[in-house]
Amino acid sequence: MAGTALPTDDELAAAGLRLAVEEGASGGVARITLARPERHNAMTDRTWTALAHVGHALPASVRIVVIDGEGPSFSSGIDTAMFAPGNEDSALNRFIRDPAGRAELDAAIAGYQEGFLWLRRPDIVSVAAVHGHAIGAGFQLALACDLRILSDDADLCMKEPALGLVPDLTGTKPLVDIVGVHRALELCLTTRTVGAEEARELRLAELVVPRDQLAGAVDDLVTALLETPRDAAAATKELLLGAPGRTLAEQAAAERAAQVERFAAWAAAAGRG
């Protein structure tokens, strides 16, 4: 929820993140950078908790969220150092030593998922700028975003099943929604790597560009997104996100209801409401 204090730079750094919020006449842009290049931006439970904190605390002015990675990779996925003996901070590690704590682990994973779920909010558009490896949790973070721009050296992989685990950071639904259940099954159970060109063919990327053009392509997209009025963009995103779960008649009714609200806003702005 906006109004909560954002994490400090030190707190973000401890979680392997950086955050910059740019305010403009058409709305704000938040840029979140995965910033552990020495570990190929491997993520920990602290990373996911900090992402959730950022999502709850972003200023209400923010319309666009861009997530990228520092160094040669977007993210190599989960940091296996989380499972090192003596790591008392990790709920995952505590559960390995004491499997009786199922409820604690379930609650912990729900908290981690919050770091990904907020990226679907109707009031923002989230963009993943992916280069190099996006593996496991990194792939799921890209899938949590509304739009993905990939550099031509990007490689995507859903690695969790190869580790004896399942993807649990909200990545399975968008993967199935995008590529279909059968292709998703093949990708997850073979854990094979998908290159940038195949990702575009599978609709996992809206755009693939040379590595040195990635930042510029993202900036061009952000500029275009900001040109659409905020309330119309949010209402349209909400309509589109709800469409897969509705019949045609239900979607038509949802369109009517949204449009009535938009015309009411127009009338109020013109002093007629």
Protein backbone atom coordinates (compact mmCIF):
# COMPACT_ATOMS: atom_id res chain seq x y z
CA MET A 1 0.00 0.00 0.00
CA ALA A 2 1.36 3.41 -0.97
CA GLY A 3 2.29 5.47 2.07
CA THR A 4 4.38 2.75 3.70
CA ALA A 5 8.05 3.72 3.79
CA LEU A 6 10.18 2.26 1.04
CA PRO A 7 13.12 0.08 2.09
CA THR A 8 16.31 2.01 2.67
CA ASP A 9 19.20 1.74 0.25
CA ASP A 10 21.07 -0.38 2.82
CA GLU A 11 18.10 -2.72 3.24
CA LEU A 12 17.79 -3.07 -0.52
CA ALA A 13 21.51 -3.70 -0.90
CA ALA A 14 21.35 -6.45 1.73
CA ALA A 15 18.61 -8.06 -0.36
CA GLY A 16 20.58 -7.71 -3.58
CA LEU A 17 18.45 -4.92 -5.04
CA ARG A 18 18.58 -1.28 -6.08
CA LEU A 19 15.62 1.02 -6.60
CA ALA A 20 15.27 4.32 -8.40
CA VAL A 21 11.98 6.19 -8.75
CA GLU A 22 11.76 8.80 -11.51
CA GLU A 23 8.88 11.26 -11.34
CA GLY A 24 7.54 12.86 -14.52
CA ALA A 25 4.59 14.87 -15.76
CA SER A 26 2.84 11.71 -17.02
CA GLY A 27 3.59 9.64 -13.93
CA GLY A 28 6.41 7.89 -12.13
CA VAL A 29 8.70 5.10 -13.27
CA ALA A 30 10.25 2.72 -10.74
CA ARG A 31 13.39 0.90 -11.84
CA ILE A 32 14.28 -2.17 -9.77
CA THR A 33 17.68 -3.69 -10.43
CA LEU A 34 18.80 -7.12 -9.31
CA ALA A 35 22.22 -6.15 -8.02
CA ARG A 36 24.33 -9.14 -7.03
CA PRO A 37 26.39 -9.48 -10.20
CA GLU A 38 29.07 -11.46 -8.38
CA ARG A 39 26.40 -14.17 -7.83
CA HIS A 40 24.76 -13.66 -11.24
CA ASN A 41 21.90 -11.97 -9.36
CA ALA A 42 20.96 -15.14 -7.52
CA MET A 43 17.98 -14.43 -5.27
CA THR A 44 17.33 -15.25 -1.63
CA ASP A 45 14.25 -15.14 0.55
CA ARG A 46 15.43 -11.69 1.60
CA THR A 47 15.24 -10.61 -2.07
CA TRP A 48 11.64 -11.75 -2.40
CA THR A 49 10.62 -10.16 0.91
CA ALA A 50 12.20 -6.87 -0.16
CA LEU A 51 10.41 -7.02 -3.53
CA ALA A 52 7.12 -7.40 -1.67
CA HIS A 53 8.02 -4.44 0.55
CA VAL A 54 8.78 -2.31 -2.51
CA GLY A 55 5.46 -3.26 -4.08
CA HIS A 56 3.52 -2.25 -0.98
CA ALA A 57 5.40 1.04 -0.55
CA LEU A 58 5.78 2.48 -4.06
CA PRO A 59 4.48 6.04 -4.39
CA ALA A 60 0.99 6.25 -5.86
CA SER A 61 2.44 8.27 -8.75
CA VAL A 62 4.31 5.24 -10.12
CA ARG A 63 2.76 3.91 -13.33
CA ILE A 64 5.58 1.83 -14.79
CA VAL A 65 7.91 -0.65 -13.09
CA VAL A 66 11.02 -1.86 -14.91
CA ILE A 67 13.02 -4.81 -13.57
CA ASP A 68 16.49 -5.52 -14.89
CA GLY A 69 19.71 -7.15 -13.78
CA GLU A 70 23.24 -5.88 -13.24
CA GLY A 71 26.15 -7.73 -14.80
CA PRO A 72 26.10 -10.63 -17.28
CA SER A 73 22.76 -12.15 -16.22
CA PHE A 74 19.21 -11.16 -15.34
CA SER A 75 19.16 -13.79 -12.59
CA SER A 76 20.57 -17.26 -12.10
CA GLY A 77 17.62 -18.11 -9.84
CA ILE A 78 17.63 -19.19 -6.23
CA ASP A 79 20.86 -18.78 -4.30
CA THR A 80 21.75 -22.25 -3.06
CA ALA A 81 23.72 -20.65 -0.24
CA MET A 82 20.33 -20.28 1.43
CA PHE A 83 20.56 -23.99 2.23
CA ALA A 84 23.99 -23.79 3.85
CA PRO A 85 24.20 -25.23 7.39
CA GLY A 86 23.74 -22.56 10.02
CA ASN A 87 21.62 -20.22 7.90
CA GLU A 88 18.97 -19.55 10.51
CA ASP A 89 17.42 -16.69 8.53
CA SER A 90 15.99 -18.98 5.86
CA ALA A 91 12.59 -20.59 6.47
CA LEU A 92 13.49 -23.08 3.75
CA ASN A 93 16.62 -24.11 5.60
CA ARG A 94 14.79 -24.38 8.92
CA PHE A 95 12.21 -26.66 7.31
CA ILE A 96 14.89 -28.97 5.90
CA ARG A 97 16.17 -29.47 9.47
CA ASP A 98 12.67 -29.70 10.99
CA PRO A 99 10.07 -30.95 8.48
CA ALA A 100 7.33 -30.62 11.11
CA GLY A 101 7.07 -26.91 10.37
CA ARG A 102 4.85 -27.21 7.29
CA ALA A 103 2.58 -24.31 8.24
CA GLU A 104 5.58 -22.01 8.76
CA LEU A 105 6.99 -22.94 5.36
CA ASP A 106 3.63 -22.44 3.64
CA ALA A 107 3.33 -18.98 5.20
CA ALA A 108 6.90 -18.13 4.25
CA ILE A 109 6.36 -19.09 0.60
CA ALA A 110 3.13 -17.05 0.53
CA GLY A 111 5.20 -14.07 1.68
CA TYR A 112 7.79 -14.67 -1.03
CA GLN A 113 5.03 -14.87 -3.66
CA GLU A 114 3.89 -11.39 -2.65
CA GLY A 115 7.13 -10.12 -4.13
CA PHE A 116 5.89 -11.31 -7.54
CA LEU A 117 2.09 -10.94 -7.35
CA TRP A 118 2.01 -7.15 -7.03
CA LEU A 119 3.59 -6.78 -10.47
CA ARG A 120 0.19 -7.70 -11.98
CA ARG A 121 -1.66 -4.80 -10.31
CA PRO A 122 -3.91 -2.91 -12.76
CA ASP A 123 -2.57 0.49 -11.70
CA ILE A 124 0.95 -0.27 -12.98
CA VAL A 125 2.52 -1.82 -16.06
CA SER A 126 5.54 -3.98 -15.25
CA VAL A 127 8.35 -4.61 -17.74
CA ALA A 128 11.13 -7.18 -17.47
CA ALA A 129 14.35 -6.28 -19.31
CA VAL A 130 16.05 -9.65 -19.61
CA HIS A 131 19.59 -10.35 -20.72
CA GLY A 132 21.78 -13.37 -20.18
CA HIS A 133 20.39 -16.10 -17.98
CA ALA A 134 16.92 -15.99 -16.42
CA ILE A 135 16.77 -19.29 -14.59
CA GLY A 136 14.19 -20.64 -12.16
CA ALA A 137 13.16 -17.79 -9.89
CA GLY A 138 14.65 -15.37 -12.43
CA PHE A 139 12.42 -16.77 -15.19
CA GLN A 140 9.43 -16.59 -12.83
CA LEU A 141 10.19 -12.95 -12.03
CA ALA A 142 10.19 -12.17 -15.76
CA LEU A 143 6.90 -14.07 -16.13
CA ALA A 144 5.39 -12.03 -13.29
CA CYS A 145 5.82 -8.89 -15.37
CA ASP A 146 3.23 -7.75 -17.91
CA LEU A 147 5.76 -7.32 -20.71
CA ARG A 148 9.15 -8.83 -21.46
CA ILE A 149 11.88 -7.39 -23.66
CA LEU A 150 14.79 -9.78 -24.21
CA SER A 151 18.27 -9.20 -25.50
CA ASP A 152 19.41 -11.64 -28.15
CA ASP A 153 21.70 -13.37 -25.63
CA ALA A 154 18.86 -14.18 -23.20
CA ASP A 155 18.30 -17.76 -22.05
CA LEU A 156 15.21 -18.82 -20.09
CA CYS A 157 14.93 -21.99 -18.03
CA MET A 158 12.45 -23.32 -15.45
CA LYS A 159 15.04 -25.22 -13.42
CA GLU A 160 13.15 -26.12 -10.23
CA PRO A 161 11.98 -29.64 -11.24
CA ALA A 162 15.60 -30.64 -11.96
CA LEU A 163 16.35 -29.77 -8.31
CA GLY A 164 13.49 -31.95 -7.07
CA LEU A 165 11.27 -28.91 -6.49
CA VAL A 166 8.39 -27.17 -8.25
CA PRO A 167 8.14 -23.58 -9.52
CA ASP A 168 6.41 -21.81 -6.63
CA LEU A 169 6.92 -18.08 -7.25
CA THR A 170 3.72 -17.64 -9.29
CA GLY A 171 5.34 -18.60 -12.59
CA THR A 172 3.26 -21.61 -13.58
CA LYS A 173 0.04 -19.76 -14.43
CA PRO A 174 1.53 -17.10 -16.72
CA LEU A 175 3.65 -19.78 -18.39
CA VAL A 176 0.57 -21.91 -19.14
CA ASP A 177 -1.43 -18.82 -20.16
CA ILE A 178 1.26 -17.83 -22.65
CA VAL A 179 2.49 -21.10 -24.17
CA GLY A 180 -0.30 -23.56 -23.30
CA VAL A 181 -0.27 -26.44 -20.87
CA HIS A 182 1.47 -28.95 -23.13
CA ARG A 183 4.41 -26.70 -24.03
CA ALA A 184 4.64 -25.59 -20.40
CA LEU A 185 4.82 -29.23 -19.37
CA GLU A 186 7.62 -29.88 -21.85
CA LEU A 187 9.60 -26.82 -20.76
CA CYS A 188 9.28 -27.54 -17.04
CA LEU A 189 9.86 -31.29 -17.09
CA THR A 190 12.82 -31.20 -19.46
CA THR A 191 14.14 -28.03 -17.80
CA ARG A 192 15.69 -27.17 -21.13
CA THR A 193 16.94 -23.71 -22.00
CA VAL A 194 14.91 -21.48 -24.32
CA GLY A 195 16.90 -18.95 -26.28
CA ALA A 196 15.69 -15.48 -27.15
CA GLU A 197 14.44 -16.28 -30.66
CA GLU A 198 12.44 -19.30 -29.50
CA ALA A 199 11.10 -17.23 -26.60
CA ARG A 200 9.75 -14.74 -29.13
CA GLU A 201 8.18 -17.55 -31.17
CA LEU A 202 6.53 -18.89 -28.00
CA ARG A 203 5.27 -15.37 -27.13
CA LEU A 204 7.42 -15.28 -23.99
CA ALA A 205 8.97 -12.06 -25.31
CA GLU A 206 7.24 -9.05 -26.81
CA LEU A 207 10.50 -7.94 -28.40
CA VAL A 208 14.05 -9.26 -28.88
CA VAL A 209 16.84 -6.78 -29.52
CA PRO A 210 20.64 -6.82 -29.64
CA ARG A 211 22.19 -6.63 -26.19
CA ASP A 212 23.46 -3.09 -26.67
CA GLN A 213 19.98 -1.90 -27.64
CA LEU A 214 18.10 -3.36 -24.66
CA ALA A 215 18.13 -0.25 -22.46
CA GLY A 216 17.01 1.97 -25.33
CA ALA A 217 14.20 -0.40 -26.31
CA VAL A 218 12.95 -0.43 -22.72
CA ASP A 219 13.06 3.36 -22.54
CA ASP A 220 11.11 3.62 -25.81
CA LEU A 221 8.45 1.26 -24.42
CA VAL A 222 8.21 3.22 -21.16
CA THR A 223 7.74 6.45 -23.11
CA ALA A 224 4.97 4.91 -25.21
CA LEU A 225 3.21 3.46 -22.15
CA LEU A 226 3.24 6.82 -20.37
CA GLU A 227 1.47 8.47 -23.30
CA THR A 228 -1.76 6.58 -22.53
CA PRO A 229 -3.84 8.25 -19.77
CA ARG A 230 -3.35 6.45 -16.50
CA ASP A 231 -6.98 5.66 -15.64
CA ALA A 232 -7.70 4.34 -19.14
CA ALA A 233 -4.56 2.20 -19.03
CA ALA A 234 -5.49 0.72 -15.65
CA ALA A 235 -9.08 -0.01 -16.71
CA THR A 236 -7.91 -1.63 -19.94
CA LYS A 237 -5.31 -3.76 -18.17
CA GLU A 238 -7.95 -4.93 -15.70
CA LEU A 239 -10.26 -5.88 -18.58
CA LEU A 240 -7.52 -7.82 -20.36
CA LEU A 241 -6.33 -9.66 -17.26
CA GLY A 242 -9.87 -10.76 -16.48
CA ALA A 243 -10.71 -11.85 -20.03
CA PRO A 244 -9.35 -15.44 -19.89
CA GLY A 245 -11.67 -16.31 -17.00
CA ARG A 246 -14.82 -14.87 -18.58
CA THR A 247 -17.22 -15.94 -21.29
CA LEU A 248 -17.70 -13.60 -24.24
CA ALA A 249 -20.96 -12.35 -22.72
CA GLU A 250 -19.28 -11.76 -19.37
CA GLN A 251 -16.40 -9.91 -21.01
CA ALA A 252 -18.83 -7.75 -23.00
CA ALA A 253 -20.60 -6.85 -19.76
CA ALA A 254 -17.28 -6.04 -18.12
CA GLU A 255 -16.40 -3.77 -21.06
CA ARG A 256 -19.71 -1.95 -20.72
CA ALA A 257 -19.26 -1.42 -17.01
CA ALA A 258 -15.72 -0.14 -17.47
CA GLN A 259 -16.77 2.19 -20.26
CA VAL A 260 -19.62 3.63 -18.23
CA GLU A 261 -17.07 4.45 -15.54
CA ARG A 262 -14.78 6.09 -18.09
CA PHE A 263 -17.59 8.23 -19.54
CA ALA A 264 -18.65 9.18 -16.01
CA ALA A 265 -15.11 10.32 -15.35
CA TRP A 266 -15.17 12.36 -18.56
CA ALA A 267 -18.44 13.98 -17.56
CA ALA A 268 -17.15 14.80 -14.10
CA ALA A 269 -14.00 16.32 -15.56
CA ALA A 270 -16.12 18.46 -17.87
CA GLY A 271 -18.24 19.65 -14.94
CA ARG A 272 -21.34 17.74 -16.06
CA GLY A 273 -21.33 14.99 -13.46
